[in-house]
Amino acid sequence: FTLPWYARVAEETSRCVKAYYAHDTFRFYGWKRERIVHMEGRLLNACDLALAVASRVAEDLEGLSTCPVRYFPMATCWTPEGAKSLATTTPADIAAIPKPRVGSVGTVCGPATDLELLHRLTSDLPYVQFVLIGPLDPNAKADGKARTILAKPNVHCLGRKEHSELPAYLQQFDVCVNLLRVSEHNNRRSPLRLFDYLTSDRPVVSTPIEEAFRHLPHIAIAEDPERFIAMLMTAISGRMPIDLQARREYMLHQTWSARGNQLMTWLQNPADYGS
């Protein structure tokens, strides 16, 4: 079950193993929070297992029921070797952008983005080209800060790309960045972009959202804008060390195939749910 609204269905379903996959934190969707919490509690009581996409989500769920909760974050479609095989050519739109390039993947100038940070980075580093890949947030054009950022000559929005195209773009970045602002909602997210970034051999710099710390020491985490700028300059200059072998070994366990194998192990051994 993937939504709290399935509580009644779960309660009326028997003779099978039931799991709640909390792939997002629905308490922050603008829905009535009390209702969401109530329905999640009912759903958990009807299930044998819960899967939480982030540590904070797991903590939220553990307070509602005795149903065992497992940490089950996002993952990537590729191993580093698989991503490399998809990055053999340089897309024409990014080839036209001069280096150094700092790249971000995800909704452009969306409500989860730290616009103050992006504005600071693009202003203080005018010689760096910031490449933004993803759909433009529908409200961005009405946001003065977003409009200012998008109008800068060193900001390039390349639009939405097929997921299979991303490795070719990531390999053309000098640095991959995660610009999600720190908030209660974002601290409950498991950003897919971080998993995809780590399939490349590029340095990765992130804001200090909680799930970013799960990827240490394979990414750099900047606690404030000054530190973010310093880390970008270090990475662009080639002075940020990357243990690619350790990263490759780490990412072998961060694929959807690996997640599927782990899930099957849990589902086939119900007696171990609480261990």
C-alpha atoms as a PDB file:
ATOM      1  CA  PHE A   1       0.000   0.000   0.000  1.00  0.00           C
ATOM      2  CA  THR A   2       1.419   3.381  -1.003  1.00  0.00           C
ATOM      3  CA  LEU A   3      -1.019   5.929   0.456  1.00  0.00           C
ATOM      4  CA  PRO A   4      -2.682   6.377   3.870  1.00  0.00           C
ATOM      5  CA  TRP A   5      -6.070   6.330   2.105  1.00  0.00           C
ATOM      6  CA  TYR A   6      -5.695   2.557   1.595  1.00  0.00           C
ATOM      7  CA  ALA A   7      -6.198   1.871   5.315  1.00  0.00           C
ATOM      8  CA  ARG A   8      -9.667   0.387   4.919  1.00  0.00           C
ATOM      9  CA  VAL A   9      -8.535  -1.823   2.023  1.00  0.00           C
ATOM     10  CA  ALA A  10      -5.675  -3.141   4.158  1.00  0.00           C
ATOM     11  CA  GLU A  11      -8.020  -3.793   7.076  1.00  0.00           C
ATOM     12  CA  GLU A  12     -10.353  -5.820   4.851  1.00  0.00           C
ATOM     13  CA  THR A  13      -7.567  -7.801   3.167  1.00  0.00           C
ATOM     14  CA  SER A  14      -6.381 -11.046   4.719  1.00  0.00           C
ATOM     15  CA  ARG A  15      -4.386 -14.197   3.950  1.00  0.00           C
ATOM     16  CA  CYS A  16      -1.398 -12.324   2.582  1.00  0.00           C
ATOM     17  CA  VAL A  17       1.613 -10.366   3.753  1.00  0.00           C
ATOM     18  CA  LYS A  18       0.812  -6.650   3.759  1.00  0.00           C
ATOM     19  CA  ALA A  19       3.276  -3.775   3.632  1.00  0.00           C
ATOM     20  CA  TYR A  20       2.967   0.004   3.695  1.00  0.00           C
ATOM     21  CA  TYR A  21       5.549   1.751   1.486  1.00  0.00           C
ATOM     22  CA  ALA A  22       5.829   5.304   2.829  1.00  0.00           C
ATOM     23  CA  HIS A  23       7.671   6.663  -0.202  1.00  0.00           C
ATOM     24  CA  ASP A  24       6.945  10.261   0.777  1.00  0.00           C
ATOM     25  CA  THR A  25       5.822  12.214   3.801  1.00  0.00           C
ATOM     26  CA  PHE A  26       2.177  12.955   3.183  1.00  0.00           C
ATOM     27  CA  ARG A  27       1.826  15.181   6.252  1.00  0.00           C
ATOM     28  CA  PHE A  28       3.405  18.011   4.263  1.00  0.00           C
ATOM     29  CA  TYR A  29       1.101  17.847   1.234  1.00  0.00           C
ATOM     30  CA  GLY A  30      -1.403  20.468   2.360  1.00  0.00           C
ATOM     31  CA  TRP A  31      -3.858  17.735   3.332  1.00  0.00           C
ATOM     32  CA  LYS A  32      -5.395  17.687   6.818  1.00  0.00           C
ATOM     33  CA  ARG A  33      -2.483  16.475   8.954  1.00  0.00           C
ATOM     34  CA  GLU A  34      -4.608  14.952  11.728  1.00  0.00           C
ATOM     35  CA  ARG A  35      -6.471  12.876   9.166  1.00  0.00           C
ATOM     36  CA  ILE A  36      -3.234  11.685   7.547  1.00  0.00           C
ATOM     37  CA  VAL A  37      -1.758  10.609  10.894  1.00  0.00           C
ATOM     38  CA  HIS A  38      -4.967   8.795  11.821  1.00  0.00           C
ATOM     39  CA  MET A  39      -5.135   6.924   8.514  1.00  0.00           C
ATOM     40  CA  GLU A  40      -1.446   5.988   8.645  1.00  0.00           C
ATOM     41  CA  GLY A  41      -1.976   4.550  12.110  1.00  0.00           C
ATOM     42  CA  ARG A  42      -4.861   2.417  10.870  1.00  0.00           C
ATOM     43  CA  LEU A  43      -2.868   1.298   7.839  1.00  0.00           C
ATOM     44  CA  LEU A  44       0.132   0.340   9.952  1.00  0.00           C
ATOM     45  CA  ASN A  45      -2.020  -1.652  12.367  1.00  0.00           C
ATOM     46  CA  ALA A  46      -3.341  -3.631   9.404  1.00  0.00           C
ATOM     47  CA  CYS A  47       0.105  -4.319   7.899  1.00  0.00           C
ATOM     48  CA  ASP A  48       2.923  -6.744   8.676  1.00  0.00           C
ATOM     49  CA  LEU A  49       5.704  -4.409   7.597  1.00  0.00           C
ATOM     50  CA  ALA A  50       6.309  -0.723   6.854  1.00  0.00           C
ATOM     51  CA  LEU A  51       8.977   0.721   4.553  1.00  0.00           C
ATOM     52  CA  ALA A  52      10.110   4.289   5.214  1.00  0.00           C
ATOM     53  CA  VAL A  53      11.913   6.316   2.542  1.00  0.00           C
ATOM     54  CA  ALA A  54      13.848   8.391   5.103  1.00  0.00           C
ATOM     55  CA  SER A  55      14.987   8.075   8.708  1.00  0.00           C
ATOM     56  CA  ARG A  56      12.666  10.855   9.863  1.00  0.00           C
ATOM     57  CA  VAL A  57       9.729   9.141   8.145  1.00  0.00           C
ATOM     58  CA  ALA A  58      10.629   5.931   9.970  1.00  0.00           C
ATOM     59  CA  GLU A  59      10.565   7.833  13.276  1.00  0.00           C
ATOM     60  CA  ASP A  60       7.153   9.284  12.418  1.00  0.00           C
ATOM     61  CA  LEU A  61       5.724   5.851  11.673  1.00  0.00           C
ATOM     62  CA  GLU A  62       7.259   4.122  14.677  1.00  0.00           C
ATOM     63  CA  GLY A  63       5.276   6.405  16.930  1.00  0.00           C
ATOM     64  CA  LEU A  64       1.953   5.270  15.491  1.00  0.00           C
ATOM     65  CA  SER A  65       1.998   1.491  15.758  1.00  0.00           C
ATOM     66  CA  THR A  66       3.932  -1.611  16.762  1.00  0.00           C
ATOM     67  CA  CYS A  67       4.225  -2.568  13.093  1.00  0.00           C
ATOM     68  CA  PRO A  68       7.944  -3.126  12.274  1.00  0.00           C
ATOM     69  CA  VAL A  69       9.376  -0.246  10.238  1.00  0.00           C
ATOM     70  CA  ARG A  70      12.332  -0.667   7.891  1.00  0.00           C
ATOM     71  CA  TYR A  71      14.462   2.081   6.376  1.00  0.00           C
ATOM     72  CA  PHE A  72      13.981   1.798   2.596  1.00  0.00           C
ATOM     73  CA  PRO A  73      15.443   4.843   0.786  1.00  0.00           C
ATOM     74  CA  MET A  74      15.467   5.699  -2.886  1.00  0.00           C
ATOM     75  CA  ALA A  75      17.967   4.067  -5.240  1.00  0.00           C
ATOM     76  CA  THR A  76      19.364   4.362  -8.747  1.00  0.00           C
ATOM     77  CA  CYS A  77      18.697   2.410 -11.921  1.00  0.00           C
ATOM     78  CA  TRP A  78      22.390   2.055 -12.705  1.00  0.00           C
ATOM     79  CA  THR A  79      25.643   0.841 -11.308  1.00  0.00           C
ATOM     80  CA  PRO A  80      28.572   3.179 -12.047  1.00  0.00           C
ATOM     81  CA  GLU A  81      29.563   0.856 -14.895  1.00  0.00           C
ATOM     82  CA  GLY A  82      26.049   0.945 -16.298  1.00  0.00           C
ATOM     83  CA  ALA A  83      25.931   4.727 -16.104  1.00  0.00           C
ATOM     84  CA  LYS A  84      29.296   4.941 -17.855  1.00  0.00           C
ATOM     85  CA  SER A  85      27.962   2.914 -20.770  1.00  0.00           C
ATOM     86  CA  LEU A  86      25.177   5.506 -21.209  1.00  0.00           C
ATOM     87  CA  ALA A  87      27.571   8.457 -21.179  1.00  0.00           C
ATOM     88  CA  THR A  88      29.608   7.826 -24.296  1.00  0.00           C
ATOM     89  CA  THR A  89      28.439  10.923 -26.177  1.00  0.00           C
ATOM     90  CA  THR A  90      28.164  14.593 -25.211  1.00  0.00           C
ATOM     91  CA  PRO A  91      24.678  16.111 -25.646  1.00  0.00           C
ATOM     92  CA  ALA A  92      24.775  19.099 -27.994  1.00  0.00           C
ATOM     93  CA  ASP A  93      22.971  21.497 -25.635  1.00  0.00           C
ATOM     94  CA  ILE A  94      25.479  21.099 -22.837  1.00  0.00           C
ATOM     95  CA  ALA A  95      28.463  20.993 -25.190  1.00  0.00           C
ATOM     96  CA  ALA A  96      27.635  24.581 -26.128  1.00  0.00           C
ATOM     97  CA  ILE A  97      27.999  25.734 -22.520  1.00  0.00           C
ATOM     98  CA  PRO A  98      31.545  26.697 -21.494  1.00  0.00           C
ATOM     99  CA  LYS A  99      33.276  25.231 -18.456  1.00  0.00           C
ATOM    100  CA  PRO A 100      33.399  25.088 -15.509  1.00  0.00           C
ATOM    101  CA  ARG A 101      29.906  23.661 -15.179  1.00  0.00           C
ATOM    102  CA  VAL A 102      28.036  23.084 -11.928  1.00  0.00           C
ATOM    103  CA  GLY A 103      24.976  20.951 -12.522  1.00  0.00           C
ATOM    104  CA  SER A 104      21.721  20.297 -10.695  1.00  0.00           C
ATOM    105  CA  VAL A 105      18.964  17.812 -11.537  1.00  0.00           C
ATOM    106  CA  GLY A 106      15.358  18.171 -10.393  1.00  0.00           C
ATOM    107  CA  THR A 107      12.490  20.648 -10.587  1.00  0.00           C
ATOM    108  CA  VAL A 108      14.007  24.031 -11.430  1.00  0.00           C
ATOM    109  CA  CYS A 109      13.344  26.795  -8.872  1.00  0.00           C
ATOM    110  CA  GLY A 110      10.685  24.722  -7.128  1.00  0.00           C
ATOM    111  CA  PRO A 111       9.493  25.332  -3.550  1.00  0.00           C
ATOM    112  CA  ALA A 112      11.974  22.771  -2.213  1.00  0.00           C
ATOM    113  CA  THR A 113      14.952  24.602  -3.747  1.00  0.00           C
ATOM    114  CA  ASP A 114      17.086  26.910  -1.644  1.00  0.00           C
ATOM    115  CA  LEU A 115      16.698  29.940  -3.911  1.00  0.00           C
ATOM    116  CA  GLU A 116      18.705  32.172  -1.591  1.00  0.00           C
ATOM    117  CA  LEU A 117      21.636  29.773  -1.870  1.00  0.00           C
ATOM    118  CA  LEU A 118      21.317  29.469  -5.653  1.00  0.00           C
ATOM    119  CA  HIS A 119      21.166  33.264  -5.978  1.00  0.00           C
ATOM    120  CA  ARG A 120      24.290  33.608  -3.838  1.00  0.00           C
ATOM    121  CA  LEU A 121      26.214  30.960  -5.759  1.00  0.00           C
ATOM    122  CA  THR A 122      25.357  32.347  -9.183  1.00  0.00           C
ATOM    123  CA  SER A 123      26.198  35.888  -8.073  1.00  0.00           C
ATOM    124  CA  ASP A 124      29.465  35.185  -6.256  1.00  0.00           C
ATOM    125  CA  LEU A 125      30.759  32.801  -8.934  1.00  0.00           C
ATOM    126  CA  PRO A 126      29.929  34.589 -12.219  1.00  0.00           C
ATOM    127  CA  TYR A 127      32.625  32.654 -14.114  1.00  0.00           C
ATOM    128  CA  VAL A 128      30.936  29.337 -13.238  1.00  0.00           C
ATOM    129  CA  GLN A 129      28.144  28.099 -15.489  1.00  0.00           C
ATOM    130  CA  PHE A 130      25.169  26.675 -13.578  1.00  0.00           C
ATOM    131  CA  VAL A 131      23.304  24.024 -15.575  1.00  0.00           C
ATOM    132  CA  LEU A 132      19.786  23.183 -14.356  1.00  0.00           C
ATOM    133  CA  ILE A 133      18.146  20.044 -15.723  1.00  0.00           C
ATOM    134  CA  GLY A 134      14.475  19.383 -15.078  1.00  0.00           C
ATOM    135  CA  PRO A 135      11.050  20.937 -15.565  1.00  0.00           C
ATOM    136  CA  LEU A 136      10.601  24.559 -14.580  1.00  0.00           C
ATOM    137  CA  ASP A 137       8.336  24.948 -11.567  1.00  0.00           C
ATOM    138  CA  PRO A 138       4.995  26.427 -12.732  1.00  0.00           C
ATOM    139  CA  ASN A 139       5.231  29.226 -10.158  1.00  0.00           C
ATOM    140  CA  ALA A 140       8.831  30.197 -10.895  1.00  0.00           C
ATOM    141  CA  LYS A 141       7.966  32.974 -13.335  1.00  0.00           C
ATOM    142  CA  ALA A 142       5.861  34.680 -10.669  1.00  0.00           C
ATOM    143  CA  ASP A 143       8.649  34.515  -8.083  1.00  0.00           C
ATOM    144  CA  GLY A 144      10.925  37.551  -8.194  1.00  0.00           C
ATOM    145  CA  LYS A 145      13.939  35.689  -6.823  1.00  0.00           C
ATOM    146  CA  ALA A 146      13.503  32.847  -9.298  1.00  0.00           C
ATOM    147  CA  ARG A 147      13.125  35.269 -12.218  1.00  0.00           C
ATOM    148  CA  THR A 148      16.317  37.048 -11.197  1.00  0.00           C
ATOM    149  CA  ILE A 149      18.228  33.771 -11.059  1.00  0.00           C
ATOM    150  CA  LEU A 150      16.923  32.481 -14.381  1.00  0.00           C
ATOM    151  CA  ALA A 151      17.837  35.752 -16.121  1.00  0.00           C
ATOM    152  CA  LYS A 152      21.519  35.524 -15.209  1.00  0.00           C
ATOM    153  CA  PRO A 153      23.917  34.842 -18.105  1.00  0.00           C
ATOM    154  CA  ASN A 154      25.648  32.017 -16.221  1.00  0.00           C
ATOM    155  CA  VAL A 155      22.405  30.105 -15.559  1.00  0.00           C
ATOM    156  CA  HIS A 156      21.308  27.593 -18.199  1.00  0.00           C
ATOM    157  CA  CYS A 157      17.989  25.712 -18.015  1.00  0.00           C
ATOM    158  CA  LEU A 158      18.081  22.687 -20.305  1.00  0.00           C
ATOM    159  CA  GLY A 159      14.588  21.432 -19.459  1.00  0.00           C
ATOM    160  CA  ARG A 160      13.324  17.970 -18.705  1.00  0.00           C
ATOM    161  CA  LYS A 161      15.389  15.011 -19.907  1.00  0.00           C
ATOM    162  CA  GLU A 162      14.641  11.314 -20.104  1.00  0.00           C
ATOM    163  CA  HIS A 163      16.098   9.548 -17.105  1.00  0.00           C
ATOM    164  CA  SER A 164      18.215   7.365 -19.387  1.00  0.00           C
ATOM    165  CA  GLU A 165      19.846  10.557 -20.737  1.00  0.00           C
ATOM    166  CA  LEU A 166      21.069  11.778 -17.357  1.00  0.00           C
ATOM    167  CA  PRO A 167      24.393   9.882 -17.200  1.00  0.00           C
ATOM    168  CA  ALA A 168      25.598  11.681 -20.322  1.00  0.00           C
ATOM    169  CA  TYR A 169      24.777  15.049 -18.728  1.00  0.00           C
ATOM    170  CA  LEU A 170      26.179  14.211 -15.296  1.00  0.00           C
ATOM    171  CA  GLN A 171      29.489  13.274 -16.865  1.00  0.00           C
ATOM    172  CA  GLN A 172      29.708  16.745 -18.419  1.00  0.00           C
ATOM    173  CA  PHE A 173      29.324  18.515 -15.071  1.00  0.00           C
ATOM    174  CA  ASP A 174      32.443  19.530 -13.197  1.00  0.00           C
ATOM    175  CA  VAL A 175      30.460  19.313  -9.969  1.00  0.00           C
ATOM    176  CA  CYS A 176      27.007  17.887  -9.175  1.00  0.00           C
ATOM    177  CA  VAL A 177      25.020  19.790  -6.564  1.00  0.00           C
ATOM    178  CA  ASN A 178      21.959  19.199  -4.427  1.00  0.00           C
ATOM    179  CA  LEU A 179      20.290  22.535  -3.638  1.00  0.00           C
ATOM    180  CA  LEU A 180      17.348  21.412  -1.497  1.00  0.00           C
ATOM    181  CA  ARG A 181      16.797  23.828   1.365  1.00  0.00           C
ATOM    182  CA  VAL A 182      16.781  22.483   4.904  1.00  0.00           C
ATOM    183  CA  SER A 183      13.207  22.075   6.158  1.00  0.00           C
ATOM    184  CA  GLU A 184      11.092  19.555   8.054  1.00  0.00           C
ATOM    185  CA  HIS A 185       9.738  18.305   4.726  1.00  0.00           C
ATOM    186  CA  ASN A 186      13.082  18.066   2.929  1.00  0.00           C
ATOM    187  CA  ASN A 187      14.618  16.347   5.941  1.00  0.00           C
ATOM    188  CA  ARG A 188      12.122  13.571   5.253  1.00  0.00           C
ATOM    189  CA  ARG A 189      13.084  13.206   1.595  1.00  0.00           C
ATOM    190  CA  SER A 190      15.500  10.736   0.046  1.00  0.00           C
ATOM    191  CA  PRO A 191      16.688  12.682  -3.017  1.00  0.00           C
ATOM    192  CA  LEU A 192      16.951  10.456  -6.068  1.00  0.00           C
ATOM    193  CA  ARG A 193      19.427  12.918  -7.569  1.00  0.00           C
ATOM    194  CA  LEU A 194      22.076  12.041  -4.965  1.00  0.00           C
ATOM    195  CA  PHE A 195      21.952   8.371  -5.921  1.00  0.00           C
ATOM    196  CA  ASP A 196      22.199   9.227  -9.618  1.00  0.00           C
ATOM    197  CA  TYR A 197      25.032  11.697  -9.026  1.00  0.00           C
ATOM    198  CA  LEU A 198      27.048   9.011  -7.278  1.00  0.00           C
ATOM    199  CA  THR A 199      26.966   6.742 -10.319  1.00  0.00           C
ATOM    200  CA  SER A 200      29.197   9.309 -12.053  1.00  0.00           C
ATOM    201  CA  ASP A 201      32.808  10.098 -11.207  1.00  0.00           C
ATOM    202  CA  ARG A 202      31.989  13.762 -10.494  1.00  0.00           C
ATOM    203  CA  PRO A 203      32.359  15.415  -7.065  1.00  0.00           C
ATOM    204  CA  VAL A 204      29.046  15.989  -5.278  1.00  0.00           C
ATOM    205  CA  VAL A 205      28.214  18.879  -2.940  1.00  0.00           C
ATOM    206  CA  SER A 206      24.938  19.022  -0.988  1.00  0.00           C
ATOM    207  CA  THR A 207      23.049  21.197   1.423  1.00  0.00           C
ATOM    208  CA  PRO A 208      22.817  19.666   4.932  1.00  0.00           C
ATOM    209  CA  ILE A 209      19.464  17.929   4.626  1.00  0.00           C
ATOM    210  CA  GLU A 210      19.391  14.869   6.863  1.00  0.00           C
ATOM    211  CA  GLU A 211      19.446  12.113   4.243  1.00  0.00           C
ATOM    212  CA  ALA A 212      22.558  13.637   2.638  1.00  0.00           C
ATOM    213  CA  PHE A 213      24.549  12.520   5.675  1.00  0.00           C
ATOM    214  CA  ARG A 214      23.681   8.921   4.813  1.00  0.00           C
ATOM    215  CA  HIS A 215      26.029   9.211   1.811  1.00  0.00           C
ATOM    216  CA  LEU A 216      29.128  10.300   3.704  1.00  0.00           C
ATOM    217  CA  PRO A 217      32.013  10.142   2.907  1.00  0.00           C
ATOM    218  CA  HIS A 218      31.051   9.968  -0.779  1.00  0.00           C
ATOM    219  CA  ILE A 219      29.617  13.487  -0.944  1.00  0.00           C
ATOM    220  CA  ALA A 220      30.604  16.829   0.577  1.00  0.00           C
ATOM    221  CA  ILE A 221      28.048  18.603   2.768  1.00  0.00           C
ATOM    222  CA  ALA A 222      28.116  22.375   3.098  1.00  0.00           C
ATOM    223  CA  GLU A 223      26.545  23.759   6.266  1.00  0.00           C
ATOM    224  CA  ASP A 224      26.230  27.336   4.958  1.00  0.00           C
ATOM    225  CA  PRO A 225      26.629  29.362   1.716  1.00  0.00           C
ATOM    226  CA  GLU A 226      30.240  30.315   2.465  1.00  0.00           C
ATOM    227  CA  ARG A 227      31.195  26.689   2.916  1.00  0.00           C
ATOM    228  CA  PHE A 228      29.243  25.746  -0.211  1.00  0.00           C
ATOM    229  CA  ILE A 229      31.195  28.266  -2.283  1.00  0.00           C
ATOM    230  CA  ALA A 230      34.499  27.067  -0.833  1.00  0.00           C
ATOM    231  CA  MET A 231      33.634  23.447  -1.613  1.00  0.00           C
ATOM    232  CA  LEU A 232      32.627  24.310  -5.179  1.00  0.00           C
ATOM    233  CA  MET A 233      35.898  26.133  -5.762  1.00  0.00           C
ATOM    234  CA  THR A 234      37.847  23.186  -4.346  1.00  0.00           C
ATOM    235  CA  ALA A 235      35.925  20.701  -6.503  1.00  0.00           C
ATOM    236  CA  ILE A 236      36.205  22.795  -9.681  1.00  0.00           C
ATOM    237  CA  SER A 237      39.953  23.088  -9.205  1.00  0.00           C
ATOM    238  CA  GLY A 238      40.241  19.287  -8.982  1.00  0.00           C
ATOM    239  CA  ARG A 239      41.377  19.355  -5.354  1.00  0.00           C
ATOM    240  CA  MET A 240      38.393  17.509  -3.850  1.00  0.00           C
ATOM    241  CA  PRO A 241      39.523  13.904  -3.346  1.00  0.00           C
ATOM    242  CA  ILE A 242      37.193  11.135  -4.544  1.00  0.00           C
ATOM    243  CA  ASP A 243      37.725   7.480  -3.713  1.00  0.00           C
ATOM    244  CA  LEU A 244      36.083   6.102  -6.846  1.00  0.00           C
ATOM    245  CA  GLN A 245      36.639   2.479  -5.899  1.00  0.00           C
ATOM    246  CA  ALA A 246      34.912   2.971  -2.555  1.00  0.00           C
ATOM    247  CA  ARG A 247      32.121   4.866  -4.292  1.00  0.00           C
ATOM    248  CA  ARG A 248      31.617   2.063  -6.811  1.00  0.00           C
ATOM    249  CA  GLU A 249      31.422  -0.527  -4.050  1.00  0.00           C
ATOM    250  CA  TYR A 250      28.958   1.637  -2.125  1.00  0.00           C
ATOM    251  CA  MET A 251      26.726   2.141  -5.155  1.00  0.00           C
ATOM    252  CA  LEU A 252      26.461  -1.591  -5.835  1.00  0.00           C
ATOM    253  CA  HIS A 253      24.195  -1.660  -2.779  1.00  0.00           C
ATOM    254  CA  GLN A 254      22.208   1.446  -3.805  1.00  0.00           C
ATOM    255  CA  THR A 255      20.469   0.139  -6.941  1.00  0.00           C
ATOM    256  CA  TRP A 256      16.806  -0.741  -7.271  1.00  0.00           C
ATOM    257  CA  SER A 257      17.884  -4.321  -7.927  1.00  0.00           C
ATOM    258  CA  ALA A 258      19.615  -4.400  -4.535  1.00  0.00           C
ATOM    259  CA  ARG A 259      16.565  -2.827  -2.890  1.00  0.00           C
ATOM    260  CA  GLY A 260      14.331  -5.444  -4.498  1.00  0.00           C
ATOM    261  CA  ASN A 261      16.496  -8.275  -3.209  1.00  0.00           C
ATOM    262  CA  GLN A 262      16.382  -6.851   0.300  1.00  0.00           C
ATOM    263  CA  LEU A 263      12.613  -6.435   0.156  1.00  0.00           C
ATOM    264  CA  MET A 264      12.120 -10.025  -0.988  1.00  0.00           C
ATOM    265  CA  THR A 265      14.260 -11.225   1.913  1.00  0.00           C
ATOM    266  CA  TRP A 266      12.070  -9.336   4.360  1.00  0.00           C
ATOM    267  CA  LEU A 267       8.811 -10.502   2.788  1.00  0.00           C
ATOM    268  CA  GLN A 268       9.921 -14.137   2.713  1.00  0.00           C
ATOM    269  CA  ASN A 269      10.908 -14.104   6.385  1.00  0.00           C
ATOM    270  CA  PRO A 270       7.989 -12.607   8.302  1.00  0.00           C
ATOM    271  CA  ALA A 271       9.412 -13.811  11.632  1.00  0.00           C
ATOM    272  CA  ASP A 272      12.356 -11.436  11.151  1.00  0.00           C
ATOM    273  CA  TYR A 273      10.284  -8.257  10.713  1.00  0.00           C
ATOM    274  CA  GLY A 274      10.805  -7.156  14.241  1.00  0.00           C
ATOM    275  CA  SER A 275      14.527  -7.905  14.397  1.00  0.00           C
END
